Amino acid sequence: MDYKKAYERLNTNQKTAVDTIDGTVMVVAGPGTGKTQVLGARIANILKKTDTKAENILCLTFTEAATSELRNRINSMIGSESYKVGIYTYHGFCNMVIQDNKDVFGVQHLDPISELETIEVLREIIDELPPQSLLKRYVGDVYFDVKNLKNLFALLKK
């Protein structure tokens, strides 16, 4: 689908967001309402109507799935230029900034957290929970929910 067809499918409010080239736009809407389509169309519109270079656009999303979907939609509207647009998850972008500027952050060596460190952190979280927390157990294995929490965080990342 090219940009023109994508634009024609938008409603009035969505077109307003896409047509706003200068400044920021906040789109607040529920799942399945076209936020990704609006964002993709807005990026395509900015690239078509201004001298902005694709590599000067930064787009942050919450999930890897959203970054992939957004990249595909922009690609369908403007072609291979879409691969120059910086599309990241918040976590991925922040990690990239830290990795590229370790001296500024006072960090010299960063590695992903190990399995053992993950369990230790989750146990610390459980230890610090208030007494009335549903995750706070006083009988049996007090760390019974560590595996469930680990799985929950993995699911949330997806």
Foldseek 3Di string as FASTA:
>chain_A
DALVVLLVPDDPVLNVLLPPQDDDDDDDDDPPPCPLSSVLSSLLSNVVPHVDQQLPAAAEDAAPVSLVVSLVNNCRHPNPSSVNHHYYYPVVVVVVVCVVPVVVVVHDDDDPQDPVNLLVVLVVVLVPDPPPDPLQDDDDPRSPCSVVVVVVVVVSRD
